[in-house]
N, C-alpha and C. Protein backbone atom coordinates (compact mmCIF):
# COMPACT_ATOMS: atom_id res chain seq x y z
N VAL A 1 -9.35 -5.06 45.52
CA VAL A 1 -8.08 -3.98 45.19
C VAL A 1 -8.50 -4.63 43.88
N THR A 2 -7.95 -5.96 43.36
CA THR A 2 -7.09 -6.68 42.16
C THR A 2 -8.16 -6.00 41.12
N PHE A 3 -9.04 -6.15 41.73
CA PHE A 3 -9.95 -6.13 40.34
C PHE A 3 -9.88 -4.85 40.01
N VAL A 4 -10.62 -3.41 41.27
CA VAL A 4 -10.90 -2.30 40.88
C VAL A 4 -9.29 -1.66 39.80
N LEU A 5 -8.04 -2.96 40.27
CA LEU A 5 -7.18 -2.08 39.94
C LEU A 5 -7.05 -2.34 38.16
N THR A 6 -7.41 -3.66 38.08
CA THR A 6 -7.77 -3.94 36.60
C THR A 6 -7.94 -3.45 36.40
N LEU A 7 -9.38 -2.85 36.16
CA LEU A 7 -10.59 -1.84 35.53
C LEU A 7 -9.87 -0.57 35.09
N PHE A 8 -9.09 0.24 36.16
CA PHE A 8 -8.24 1.26 35.83
C PHE A 8 -6.73 0.68 35.22
N VAL A 9 -6.62 -0.60 34.89
CA VAL A 9 -6.01 -0.31 33.45
C VAL A 9 -5.78 -0.91 32.59
N LEU A 10 -7.10 -1.35 32.42
CA LEU A 10 -7.98 -1.09 31.16
C LEU A 10 -8.33 0.17 30.96
N LYS A 11 -9.04 0.63 32.25
CA LYS A 11 -9.57 1.58 31.00
C LYS A 11 -8.68 2.46 30.82
N TYR A 12 -7.74 2.68 31.86
CA TYR A 12 -5.96 3.17 31.00
C TYR A 12 -5.54 3.02 29.03
N PHE A 13 -5.98 1.94 29.22
CA PHE A 13 -5.25 0.81 27.88
C PHE A 13 -6.04 1.57 26.92
N SER A 14 -7.41 1.02 27.12
CA SER A 14 -8.40 1.66 26.19
C SER A 14 -8.20 3.35 25.39
N SER A 15 -7.91 3.57 27.09
CA SER A 15 -8.19 5.60 25.92
C SER A 15 -7.13 5.57 25.75
N ALA A 16 -5.94 5.22 26.00
CA ALA A 16 -4.75 5.51 25.03
C ALA A 16 -4.61 5.00 23.36
N VAL A 17 -5.14 3.11 23.21
CA VAL A 17 -5.63 2.93 22.06
C VAL A 17 -6.67 3.43 21.36
N VAL A 18 -7.34 4.15 21.25
CA VAL A 18 -7.90 5.72 20.86
C VAL A 18 -7.35 6.73 21.28
N HIS A 19 -6.95 7.59 21.84
CA HIS A 19 -6.37 8.57 21.56
C HIS A 19 -5.42 8.55 20.36
N ARG A 20 -4.27 7.39 20.03
CA ARG A 20 -4.30 6.96 19.41
C ARG A 20 -4.22 7.11 17.85
N GLU A 21 -5.23 6.58 17.90
CA GLU A 21 -5.52 6.12 16.70
C GLU A 21 -6.56 7.53 16.29
N ARG A 22 -6.53 8.21 16.91
CA ARG A 22 -7.35 9.09 16.60
C ARG A 22 -6.44 10.41 16.21
N ASP A 23 -5.00 10.34 16.32
CA ASP A 23 -4.10 10.96 16.00
C ASP A 23 -3.32 10.02 15.07
N LYS A 24 -3.49 9.00 14.85
CA LYS A 24 -3.30 8.27 13.47
C LYS A 24 -3.83 9.53 12.01
N TYR A 25 -5.68 9.22 12.64
CA TYR A 25 -6.63 9.37 11.65
C TYR A 25 -6.13 10.90 11.15
N MET A 26 -6.25 11.71 12.39
CA MET A 26 -5.62 13.49 11.86
C MET A 26 -4.44 13.75 11.52
N GLU A 27 -2.94 12.84 11.29
CA GLU A 27 -2.29 12.58 10.01
C GLU A 27 -1.89 12.61 9.40
N LEU A 28 -3.14 11.12 9.09
CA LEU A 28 -3.58 10.41 7.68
C LEU A 28 -4.75 10.89 7.16
N SER A 29 -4.95 12.22 8.08
CA SER A 29 -6.42 13.03 7.44
C SER A 29 -5.70 14.47 5.92
N ASP A 30 -4.12 14.14 6.70
CA ASP A 30 -3.29 15.70 5.27
C ASP A 30 -2.90 15.59 4.39
N PRO A 31 -3.21 15.91 3.27
CA PRO A 31 -3.43 15.90 2.22
C PRO A 31 -1.68 16.50 1.77
N ASP A 32 -0.75 17.31 2.82
CA ASP A 32 0.59 17.47 3.19
C ASP A 32 1.19 16.59 4.31
N SER A 33 1.03 15.12 3.90
CA SER A 33 1.32 14.87 5.32
C SER A 33 2.59 13.89 4.40
N ARG A 34 3.72 13.64 5.27
CA ARG A 34 5.08 12.92 4.38
C ARG A 34 5.17 12.12 3.46
N ILE A 35 3.69 11.12 4.35
CA ILE A 35 2.64 10.09 3.36
C ILE A 35 3.41 10.54 2.15
N MET A 36 1.93 10.78 2.11
CA MET A 36 1.17 11.69 0.46
C MET A 36 2.28 12.38 0.01
N ASN A 37 2.85 13.45 1.02
CA ASN A 37 4.68 14.50 -0.02
C ASN A 37 5.49 13.19 -0.94
N GLU A 38 5.68 11.98 -0.29
CA GLU A 38 6.36 10.96 -0.96
C GLU A 38 6.01 10.41 -2.23
N LEU A 39 4.31 11.09 -2.44
CA LEU A 39 3.97 10.41 -3.48
C LEU A 39 4.06 11.32 -4.55
N LYS A 40 3.63 13.17 -3.83
CA LYS A 40 4.06 13.58 -4.96
C LYS A 40 4.71 13.55 -5.60
N GLU A 41 6.40 13.40 -4.65
CA GLU A 41 7.35 14.21 -5.40
C GLU A 41 7.56 12.15 -6.41
N LYS A 42 6.69 11.55 -6.50
CA LYS A 42 7.19 10.65 -6.77
C LYS A 42 5.75 10.40 -8.38
N ASN A 43 5.08 10.56 -8.11
CA ASN A 43 4.07 10.35 -9.07
C ASN A 43 2.82 11.60 -8.89
N GLN A 44 3.66 12.73 -9.60
CA GLN A 44 2.14 13.54 -8.98
C GLN A 44 1.17 13.16 -9.49
N GLN A 45 0.86 12.78 -10.88
CA GLN A 45 -0.73 12.62 -11.43
C GLN A 45 -0.77 11.96 -9.98
N GLU A 46 -0.88 11.13 -9.90
CA GLU A 46 -1.52 9.92 -8.48
C GLU A 46 -1.56 11.23 -7.73
N TYR A 47 -0.95 11.46 -7.23
CA TYR A 47 -1.20 12.43 -5.65
C TYR A 47 -2.66 12.63 -6.14
N LEU A 48 -1.65 13.90 -6.65
CA LEU A 48 -3.13 14.52 -8.17
C LEU A 48 -4.49 13.78 -8.36
N LYS A 49 -4.22 12.85 -8.22
CA LYS A 49 -5.47 12.10 -8.76
C LYS A 49 -6.52 11.55 -7.76
N SER A 50 -5.73 10.81 -6.29
CA SER A 50 -6.46 10.56 -4.79
C SER A 50 -6.90 11.70 -4.43
N ILE A 51 -6.26 13.37 -4.60
CA ILE A 51 -7.06 14.37 -4.00
C ILE A 51 -7.84 14.44 -4.70
N HIS A 52 -8.45 14.38 -5.91
CA HIS A 52 -9.85 14.05 -6.27
C HIS A 52 -10.66 12.98 -6.35
N VAL A 53 -10.21 12.25 -6.34
CA VAL A 53 -10.80 10.30 -5.63
C VAL A 53 -11.41 11.26 -3.94
N ALA A 54 -10.27 11.60 -3.69
CA ALA A 54 -11.16 11.84 -1.72
C ALA A 54 -12.27 12.70 -2.43
N TYR A 55 -12.80 13.94 -2.64
CA TYR A 55 -12.83 14.71 -3.12
C TYR A 55 -14.36 14.44 -2.87
N PHE A 56 -14.15 12.93 -4.41
CA PHE A 56 -16.09 12.79 -3.90
C PHE A 56 -16.55 11.78 -2.92
N CYS A 57 -15.28 11.48 -2.55
CA CYS A 57 -15.99 10.44 -0.95
C CYS A 57 -15.72 10.74 -0.14
N GLU A 58 -15.27 12.33 0.16
CA GLU A 58 -16.06 13.69 0.96
C GLU A 58 -17.67 13.45 1.17
N ARG A 59 -17.97 13.58 -1.20
CA ARG A 59 -19.38 14.41 -0.72
C ARG A 59 -20.15 13.60 -0.82
N ILE A 60 -19.84 12.42 -0.60
CA ILE A 60 -20.84 11.16 -1.11
C ILE A 60 -20.57 11.23 0.61
N CYS A 61 -20.72 10.60 0.73
CA CYS A 61 -20.68 10.38 2.30
C CYS A 61 -21.52 11.55 2.78
N ALA A 62 -20.99 13.01 3.14
CA ALA A 62 -22.15 13.82 3.24
C ALA A 62 -23.48 13.42 3.27
N GLU A 63 -23.97 13.09 1.69
CA GLU A 63 -24.54 12.67 1.17
C GLU A 63 -25.86 11.60 1.97
N PHE A 64 -25.07 10.75 2.45
CA PHE A 64 -25.15 9.45 3.26
C PHE A 64 -24.97 9.82 4.97
N GLN A 65 -24.82 10.57 4.96
CA GLN A 65 -25.18 11.42 6.68
C GLN A 65 -23.87 10.05 7.02
N MET A 66 -22.80 10.13 6.53
CA MET A 66 -21.66 8.69 7.16
C MET A 66 -20.46 9.87 8.07
N ASP A 67 -19.85 9.67 8.18
CA ASP A 67 -18.89 10.56 8.88
C ASP A 67 -17.83 9.71 7.99
N SER A 68 -16.68 11.08 7.38
CA SER A 68 -15.79 11.05 6.28
C SER A 68 -14.62 10.34 6.56
N THR A 69 -13.92 10.25 8.30
CA THR A 69 -12.84 10.62 7.91
C THR A 69 -12.35 9.12 7.16
N LEU A 70 -12.50 7.68 7.53
CA LEU A 70 -12.52 6.52 6.83
C LEU A 70 -12.63 6.68 6.08
N THR A 71 -13.14 6.74 4.82
CA THR A 71 -13.50 6.14 2.77
C THR A 71 -11.85 7.83 3.56
N LYS A 72 -11.95 8.86 3.68
CA LYS A 72 -11.15 9.92 3.03
C LYS A 72 -9.30 9.78 2.67
N VAL A 73 -9.67 9.05 4.35
CA VAL A 73 -7.88 8.76 4.22
C VAL A 73 -7.20 7.02 3.82
N ALA A 74 -8.79 6.36 3.10
CA ALA A 74 -8.45 5.27 1.95
C ALA A 74 -7.90 5.81 0.62
N ALA A 75 -8.93 6.79 0.15
CA ALA A 75 -8.93 7.51 -0.58
C ALA A 75 -7.67 8.54 -0.69
N TYR A 76 -7.27 8.83 0.51
CA TYR A 76 -5.57 9.94 -0.19
C TYR A 76 -4.63 8.50 -0.29
N HIS A 77 -4.83 7.27 0.23
CA HIS A 77 -4.14 6.42 -0.07
C HIS A 77 -3.62 5.23 -0.53
N HIS A 78 -5.54 5.28 -1.22
CA HIS A 78 -5.26 4.06 -1.91
C HIS A 78 -4.28 3.43 -3.30
N ASN A 79 -3.51 4.19 -3.67
CA ASN A 79 -2.66 4.56 -4.28
C ASN A 79 -0.93 4.51 -3.94
N ILE A 80 -1.07 4.52 -2.67
CA ILE A 80 0.23 4.98 -1.83
C ILE A 80 1.10 4.73 -2.72
N ALA A 81 0.56 3.16 -2.99
CA ALA A 81 1.59 2.19 -3.27
C ALA A 81 2.98 2.72 -4.99
N LEU A 82 2.53 3.29 -4.98
CA LEU A 82 2.87 3.82 -6.84
C LEU A 82 4.42 5.01 -5.34
N SER A 83 4.27 5.39 -4.09
CA SER A 83 5.47 6.35 -4.20
C SER A 83 6.62 5.10 -3.88
N LYS A 84 6.49 3.70 -3.70
CA LYS A 84 7.83 3.33 -3.51
C LYS A 84 7.55 1.60 -4.71
N PHE A 85 6.55 1.38 -5.11
CA PHE A 85 6.88 0.45 -6.27
C PHE A 85 6.25 0.52 -7.44
N LYS A 86 6.41 0.37 -8.49
CA LYS A 86 6.00 0.40 -10.07
C LYS A 86 4.12 0.22 -10.39
N THR A 87 4.03 -0.70 -9.55
CA THR A 87 2.86 -1.14 -9.46
C THR A 87 1.34 -0.96 -7.86
N ALA A 88 0.63 -0.52 -8.92
CA ALA A 88 -0.49 -0.95 -6.65
C ALA A 88 -0.80 -1.98 -6.89
N THR A 89 -0.66 -2.99 -5.95
CA THR A 89 -0.86 -3.98 -6.05
C THR A 89 -1.59 -4.11 -4.37
N TRP A 90 -2.49 -4.68 -3.89
CA TRP A 90 -2.91 -5.30 -3.06
C TRP A 90 -1.49 -5.72 -1.88
N VAL A 91 -0.57 -6.44 -2.17
CA VAL A 91 0.53 -6.99 -2.10
C VAL A 91 0.91 -5.87 -1.69
N ASN A 92 2.09 -5.18 -2.66
CA ASN A 92 2.45 -4.30 -2.22
C ASN A 92 1.82 -2.86 -0.99
N THR A 93 0.46 -2.74 -1.57
CA THR A 93 -0.45 -1.78 -0.51
C THR A 93 -0.35 -2.09 1.23
N GLU A 94 -0.58 -3.61 0.68
CA GLU A 94 -0.28 -4.49 2.10
C GLU A 94 0.86 -3.56 2.91
N SER A 95 1.89 -3.88 2.18
CA SER A 95 3.23 -3.89 3.15
C SER A 95 3.51 -2.31 3.31
N LEU A 96 3.26 -1.23 3.03
CA LEU A 96 3.06 0.01 3.04
C LEU A 96 2.20 0.59 4.66
N CYS A 97 0.92 -0.01 3.91
CA CYS A 97 0.38 0.06 5.75
C CYS A 97 0.42 -0.84 6.43
N LYS A 98 2.03 -1.52 7.10
CA LYS A 98 2.33 -2.45 7.77
C LYS A 98 3.40 -1.26 7.91
N GLU A 99 4.12 -0.32 7.31
CA GLU A 99 5.29 -0.02 7.54
C GLU A 99 4.50 1.93 7.88
N TYR A 100 3.43 1.96 8.09
CA TYR A 100 3.26 3.55 7.65
C TYR A 100 1.99 2.91 9.41
N GLU A 101 1.99 2.31 9.82
CA GLU A 101 1.12 2.10 10.95
C GLU A 101 -0.48 2.30 10.45
N PHE A 102 -0.95 1.88 9.36
CA PHE A 102 -2.21 2.57 8.88
C PHE A 102 -3.56 2.26 10.36
N PRO A 103 -4.05 2.90 10.43
CA PRO A 103 -5.34 1.71 11.34
C PRO A 103 -6.19 0.91 10.30
N GLN A 104 -6.69 0.26 11.54
CA GLN A 104 -7.33 -1.89 10.93
C GLN A 104 -8.37 -0.93 9.74
N SER A 105 -8.84 -0.74 9.99
CA SER A 105 -9.90 0.33 9.53
C SER A 105 -9.66 0.69 8.06
N VAL A 106 -8.46 1.16 7.59
CA VAL A 106 -7.83 1.84 6.38
C VAL A 106 -7.60 0.53 5.94
N CYS A 107 -6.74 -0.10 6.56
CA CYS A 107 -6.12 -1.33 5.73
C CYS A 107 -7.24 -2.26 5.10
N ASP A 108 -8.11 -2.46 5.77
CA ASP A 108 -9.31 -3.23 5.57
C ASP A 108 -10.05 -2.84 4.69
N VAL A 109 -10.02 -1.30 4.36
CA VAL A 109 -11.00 -1.30 3.37
C VAL A 109 -9.94 -1.26 1.66
N LEU A 110 -8.73 -0.66 2.64
CA LEU A 110 -7.73 -1.03 1.13
C LEU A 110 -7.17 -1.94 1.14
N GLN A 111 -7.74 -3.65 1.03
CA GLN A 111 -7.33 -4.24 0.88
C GLN A 111 -8.49 -5.26 -0.07
N GLU A 112 -10.24 -4.43 0.24
CA GLU A 112 -11.26 -4.93 -0.13
C GLU A 112 -10.90 -4.07 -1.54
N PHE A 113 -10.32 -2.05 -1.86
CA PHE A 113 -10.29 -2.62 -2.65
C PHE A 113 -9.75 -2.95 -3.94
N TRP A 114 -8.21 -4.08 -3.78
CA TRP A 114 -7.56 -4.01 -4.31
C TRP A 114 -6.91 -5.04 -4.12
N ASP A 115 -7.45 -6.24 -3.03
CA ASP A 115 -7.10 -7.54 -3.59
C ASP A 115 -8.32 -8.61 -4.05
N GLU A 116 -8.32 -8.57 -5.51
CA GLU A 116 -9.44 -9.41 -5.69
C GLU A 116 -10.05 -10.92 -5.12
N ASP A 117 -9.22 -11.10 -4.57
CA ASP A 117 -9.82 -12.34 -3.11
C ASP A 117 -10.96 -12.31 -2.48
N THR A 118 -10.90 -10.80 -1.99
CA THR A 118 -11.72 -10.19 -1.10
C THR A 118 -12.20 -8.97 -1.84
N PRO A 119 -13.94 -9.78 -1.22
CA PRO A 119 -15.03 -9.24 -2.27
C PRO A 119 -15.24 -7.41 -1.24
N VAL A 120 -15.57 -6.60 -2.21
CA VAL A 120 -16.25 -5.34 -1.22
C VAL A 120 -17.42 -5.00 -1.34
N LYS A 121 -16.91 -5.34 0.07
CA LYS A 121 -18.01 -5.39 0.94
C LYS A 121 -18.67 -4.13 1.44
N SER A 122 -17.34 -3.40 2.14
CA SER A 122 -18.97 -2.22 2.93
C SER A 122 -18.85 -0.77 1.66
N VAL A 123 -19.50 -0.14 3.02
CA VAL A 123 -19.73 0.85 1.85
C VAL A 123 -19.03 1.59 1.60
N GLU A 124 -17.83 2.22 2.95
CA GLU A 124 -17.03 2.63 2.87
C GLU A 124 -15.96 2.47 1.50
N ALA A 125 -15.69 1.20 0.94
CA ALA A 125 -14.74 0.49 0.27
C ALA A 125 -15.46 0.31 -1.67
N VAL A 126 -16.60 0.65 -1.01
CA VAL A 126 -17.59 0.89 -2.63
C VAL A 126 -17.91 2.31 -2.97
N ILE A 127 -17.69 3.16 -1.94
CA ILE A 127 -17.89 4.71 -2.66
C ILE A 127 -15.85 5.01 -2.52
N LEU A 128 -15.06 4.98 -2.37
CA LEU A 128 -13.84 4.87 -2.97
C LEU A 128 -13.54 4.13 -4.43
N TYR A 129 -14.12 2.78 -4.59
CA TYR A 129 -13.85 2.36 -5.96
C TYR A 129 -15.00 2.79 -6.68
N VAL A 130 -15.61 3.33 -6.50
CA VAL A 130 -16.78 3.98 -7.54
C VAL A 130 -16.00 5.55 -8.68
N SER A 131 -16.05 6.23 -6.81
CA SER A 131 -15.17 7.27 -6.93
C SER A 131 -13.62 7.55 -7.71
N SER A 132 -13.11 6.24 -7.39
CA SER A 132 -11.74 5.90 -8.41
C SER A 132 -11.63 5.73 -9.50
N LEU A 133 -13.04 4.73 -10.30
CA LEU A 133 -13.87 4.81 -11.35
C LEU A 133 -13.68 5.79 -12.62
N VAL A 134 -14.81 6.90 -11.23
CA VAL A 134 -15.66 7.88 -12.23
C VAL A 134 -13.76 8.73 -12.62
N VAL A 135 -13.26 9.19 -11.69
CA VAL A 135 -12.04 10.04 -11.77
C VAL A 135 -11.19 9.46 -12.57
N SER A 136 -10.39 8.61 -12.94
CA SER A 136 -9.87 7.71 -13.86
C SER A 136 -10.31 7.67 -15.03
N SER A 137 -11.95 7.45 -15.15
CA SER A 137 -12.38 7.21 -16.36
C SER A 137 -12.78 8.57 -17.07
N VAL A 138 -12.81 9.19 -16.54
CA VAL A 138 -12.99 11.75 -16.70
C VAL A 138 -11.43 11.30 -17.16
N LEU A 139 -10.47 11.52 -16.39
CA LEU A 139 -8.97 12.07 -16.72
C LEU A 139 -8.77 10.78 -18.44
N TYR A 140 -8.84 9.68 -18.52
CA TYR A 140 -8.54 9.06 -19.09
C TYR A 140 -9.48 9.77 -21.15
N LEU A 141 -10.73 10.07 -20.64
CA LEU A 141 -11.20 10.89 -21.85
C LEU A 141 -10.52 11.93 -21.90
N PHE A 142 -10.47 13.26 -20.71
CA PHE A 142 -9.69 14.30 -21.34
C PHE A 142 -7.76 13.83 -22.16
N GLU A 143 -7.65 13.00 -21.64
CA GLU A 143 -6.21 12.69 -22.33
C GLU A 143 -6.19 11.90 -24.30
N ILE A 144 -7.59 11.26 -24.34
CA ILE A 144 -7.51 10.56 -25.42
C ILE A 144 -8.07 11.37 -26.64
N LYS A 145 -9.23 12.29 -26.13
CA LYS A 145 -10.19 14.10 -26.16
C LYS A 145 -10.05 15.40 -26.13
N PRO A 146 -8.28 15.32 -26.29
CA PRO A 146 -8.09 17.31 -25.98
C PRO A 146 -9.11 18.19 -27.10
N GLY A 147 -9.77 18.83 -25.61
CA GLY A 147 -9.91 19.79 -26.41
C GLY A 147 -11.61 19.56 -27.23
N LYS A 148 -11.78 18.65 -26.66
CA LYS A 148 -13.06 17.97 -27.77
C LYS A 148 -14.31 17.69 -25.90
N GLN A 149 -15.40 18.21 -26.48
CA GLN A 149 -16.35 18.44 -25.35
C GLN A 149 -17.15 16.99 -25.01
N ILE A 150 -17.01 16.28 -23.36
CA ILE A 150 -17.60 15.36 -22.97
C ILE A 150 -18.45 15.66 -22.14
N ASP A 151 -19.75 14.64 -23.00
CA ASP A 151 -21.40 14.37 -22.77
C ASP A 151 -20.58 13.64 -20.90
N TYR A 152 -20.39 14.03 -19.87
CA TYR A 152 -20.82 13.82 -18.65
C TYR A 152 -21.30 12.43 -17.59
N GLU A 153 -22.50 13.52 -18.22
CA GLU A 153 -23.64 12.36 -17.71
C GLU A 153 -23.96 11.00 -18.53
N GLU A 154 -23.32 11.12 -19.35
CA GLU A 154 -24.07 10.11 -21.23
C GLU A 154 -22.69 8.88 -19.95
N VAL A 155 -20.71 9.79 -19.62
CA VAL A 155 -20.47 8.56 -19.41
C VAL A 155 -20.69 8.40 -17.39
N ILE A 156 -21.14 8.94 -17.26
CA ILE A 156 -21.70 8.84 -15.47
C ILE A 156 -22.39 7.16 -16.22
N ASP A 157 -23.11 7.01 -16.97
CA ASP A 157 -24.91 6.60 -16.75
C ASP A 157 -23.82 5.33 -17.48
N SER A 158 -22.91 5.11 -18.28
CA SER A 158 -22.16 4.27 -18.61
C SER A 158 -21.61 3.22 -18.36
N ILE A 159 -20.98 4.00 -17.02
CA ILE A 159 -20.13 3.72 -14.99
C ILE A 159 -20.81 2.34 -14.89
N PHE A 160 -22.22 3.13 -14.02
CA PHE A 160 -23.08 3.14 -13.76
C PHE A 160 -24.20 1.53 -13.94
N HIS A 161 -24.06 1.98 -15.51
CA HIS A 161 -24.74 0.69 -16.03
C HIS A 161 -24.44 -0.29 -16.00
N LYS A 162 -22.24 -0.50 -16.52
CA LYS A 162 -21.52 -1.62 -16.55
C LYS A 162 -21.61 -2.17 -14.92
N LEU A 163 -21.44 -1.13 -14.19
CA LEU A 163 -21.29 -1.94 -12.96
C LEU A 163 -22.55 -2.36 -12.14
N LEU A 164 -23.39 -2.05 -12.11
CA LEU A 164 -24.72 -2.97 -12.18
C LEU A 164 -25.19 -4.68 -12.72
N LEU A 165 -24.42 -4.14 -14.13
CA LEU A 165 -23.93 -5.47 -14.88
C LEU A 165 -22.63 -6.83 -14.16
N SER A 166 -22.34 -5.93 -13.44
CA SER A 166 -21.09 -6.91 -13.34
C SER A 166 -21.27 -7.42 -11.94
N ASP A 167 -20.06 -8.44 -11.42
CA ASP A 167 -20.65 -8.40 -10.27
C ASP A 167 -19.40 -8.51 -9.04
N LYS A 168 -18.98 -7.11 -9.06
CA LYS A 168 -17.41 -6.60 -8.68
C LYS A 168 -18.53 -6.35 -7.22
N LEU A 169 -19.82 -5.09 -7.21
CA LEU A 169 -20.34 -5.25 -6.09
C LEU A 169 -21.55 -5.79 -5.18
N VAL A 170 -21.74 -7.50 -6.18
CA VAL A 170 -22.82 -7.95 -6.11
C VAL A 170 -23.08 -8.15 -4.37
N LYS A 171 -21.13 -8.30 -3.39
CA LYS A 171 -22.00 -9.05 -1.86
C LYS A 171 -21.63 -7.58 -1.22
N SER A 172 -21.55 -6.72 -1.77
CA SER A 172 -21.77 -5.13 -1.04
C SER A 172 -22.87 -5.17 0.04
N ASN A 173 -22.41 -3.84 0.82
CA ASN A 173 -23.63 -3.06 1.93
C ASN A 173 -24.42 -2.49 1.22
N ILE A 174 -24.45 -1.63 0.23
CA ILE A 174 -24.42 -0.47 -0.81
C ILE A 174 -26.02 -0.52 -0.85
N SER A 175 -27.07 -0.14 -1.04
CA SER A 175 -28.41 -0.40 -1.51
C SER A 175 -28.64 0.34 -3.41
N LEU A 176 -29.33 0.05 -3.61
CA LEU A 176 -29.73 0.45 -4.73
C LEU A 176 -30.18 1.84 -4.94
N ALA A 177 -30.44 2.75 -3.85
CA ALA A 177 -31.22 3.76 -3.50
C ALA A 177 -29.43 5.19 -3.32
N GLN A 178 -29.02 4.26 -2.66
CA GLN A 178 -27.10 5.20 -2.47
C GLN A 178 -27.12 5.01 -3.73
N MET A 179 -26.29 3.87 -4.30
CA MET A 179 -25.87 3.60 -5.78
C MET A 179 -26.59 5.16 -6.56
N ASN A 180 -27.96 4.73 -6.21
CA ASN A 180 -28.56 5.67 -7.35
C ASN A 180 -28.08 7.45 -6.69
N CYS A 181 -28.31 7.38 -5.65
CA CYS A 181 -27.78 8.29 -4.99
C CYS A 181 -26.13 9.21 -5.11
N MET A 182 -25.62 8.01 -5.29
CA MET A 182 -23.77 8.16 -6.26
C MET A 182 -24.40 8.45 -7.28
N LYS A 183 -24.58 8.20 -8.00
CA LYS A 183 -24.88 8.24 -9.73
C LYS A 183 -25.38 10.12 -9.86
N ARG A 184 -26.49 10.99 -8.90
CA ARG A 184 -27.34 12.15 -9.42
C ARG A 184 -26.27 13.16 -8.78
N LEU A 185 -25.29 12.32 -8.30
CA LEU A 185 -24.09 13.22 -6.93
C LEU A 185 -23.08 13.83 -8.42
N PHE A 186 -22.28 12.58 -9.42
CA PHE A 186 -21.23 12.37 -9.96
C PHE A 186 -21.52 12.87 -11.36
N ILE A 187 -22.62 13.16 -12.01
CA ILE A 187 -24.08 13.78 -12.27
C ILE A 187 -23.67 15.16 -11.92
N LYS A 188 -23.69 15.87 -11.28
CA LYS A 188 -24.05 17.18 -10.72
C LYS A 188 -22.87 17.97 -10.61
N GLU A 189 -21.70 16.68 -10.87
CA GLU A 189 -20.66 17.74 -10.75
C GLU A 189 -20.18 18.14 -12.37
N LYS A 190 -20.24 18.34 -12.77
CA LYS A 190 -20.27 19.06 -14.19
C LYS A 190 -18.46 19.90 -13.97
N LEU A 191 -19.14 21.18 -12.87
CA LEU A 191 -17.95 22.75 -13.65
C LEU A 191 -17.03 21.03 -12.65
N TYR A 192 -16.73 20.35 -11.25
CA TYR A 192 -15.15 19.91 -11.01
C TYR A 192 -14.51 19.15 -12.32
N TYR A 193 -15.50 18.45 -13.33
CA TYR A 193 -14.77 17.94 -14.26
C TYR A 193 -14.54 18.82 -14.91
N ASP A 194 -14.78 19.87 -15.63
CA ASP A 194 -14.45 21.24 -16.32
C ASP A 194 -13.03 21.84 -14.92
N PHE A 195 -13.42 20.90 -14.41
CA PHE A 195 -11.50 21.98 -12.91
C PHE A 195 -10.59 21.44 -13.68
N LEU A 196 -10.69 20.31 -13.42
CA LEU A 196 -10.31 18.86 -13.99
C LEU A 196 -9.20 18.81 -14.74
N ARG A 197 -10.21 19.78 -15.35
CA ARG A 197 -9.66 19.51 -17.35
C ARG A 197 -8.66 20.56 -17.61
N ARG A 198 -8.93 21.61 -16.70
CA ARG A 198 -8.06 22.42 -16.43
C ARG A 198 -6.38 22.70 -16.09
N GLU A 199 -6.29 21.69 -14.52
CA GLU A 199 -5.52 21.32 -14.02
C GLU A 199 -4.21 21.44 -14.71
């Protein structure tokens, strides 16, 4: 009887944890959530950047035929520290991960993204890192070259060339084929970059 009761309690506890985490992911997947609105009110530019990074993360996950929920949630909140701090660092981000009770998997991806002492290993963190790098680079070029035509393919080529020469992703689980797939996807998104310029 005790054994059966123990199994029942464990099953109930496991189910409760799964449902609670699922509900949390649903909340964090909403770009209009309370947390995201705090970022929007504090720094609308970073809010919009997070939306654009999440767009690319979702597109890449679809290409990789993997669930996009974790990567998208991490993308929405990768700059969340700027809603309460002047700088986005892992220390500041980690404090908000705890305050908002983010799922551990989201915290892990954000730690790989921000913490210089933590290698970028997971595919999710690589997708987030590269997407953020591309969006930031394109937005920066719009800022310093207003009205000028930009060769997006050349920009993407340069970003990926530097990535492959650096040691940033040397310990990652992403394959060369996946990197090439990402590169092709970013090059194809020329219309989206034009949309960013008009925004």
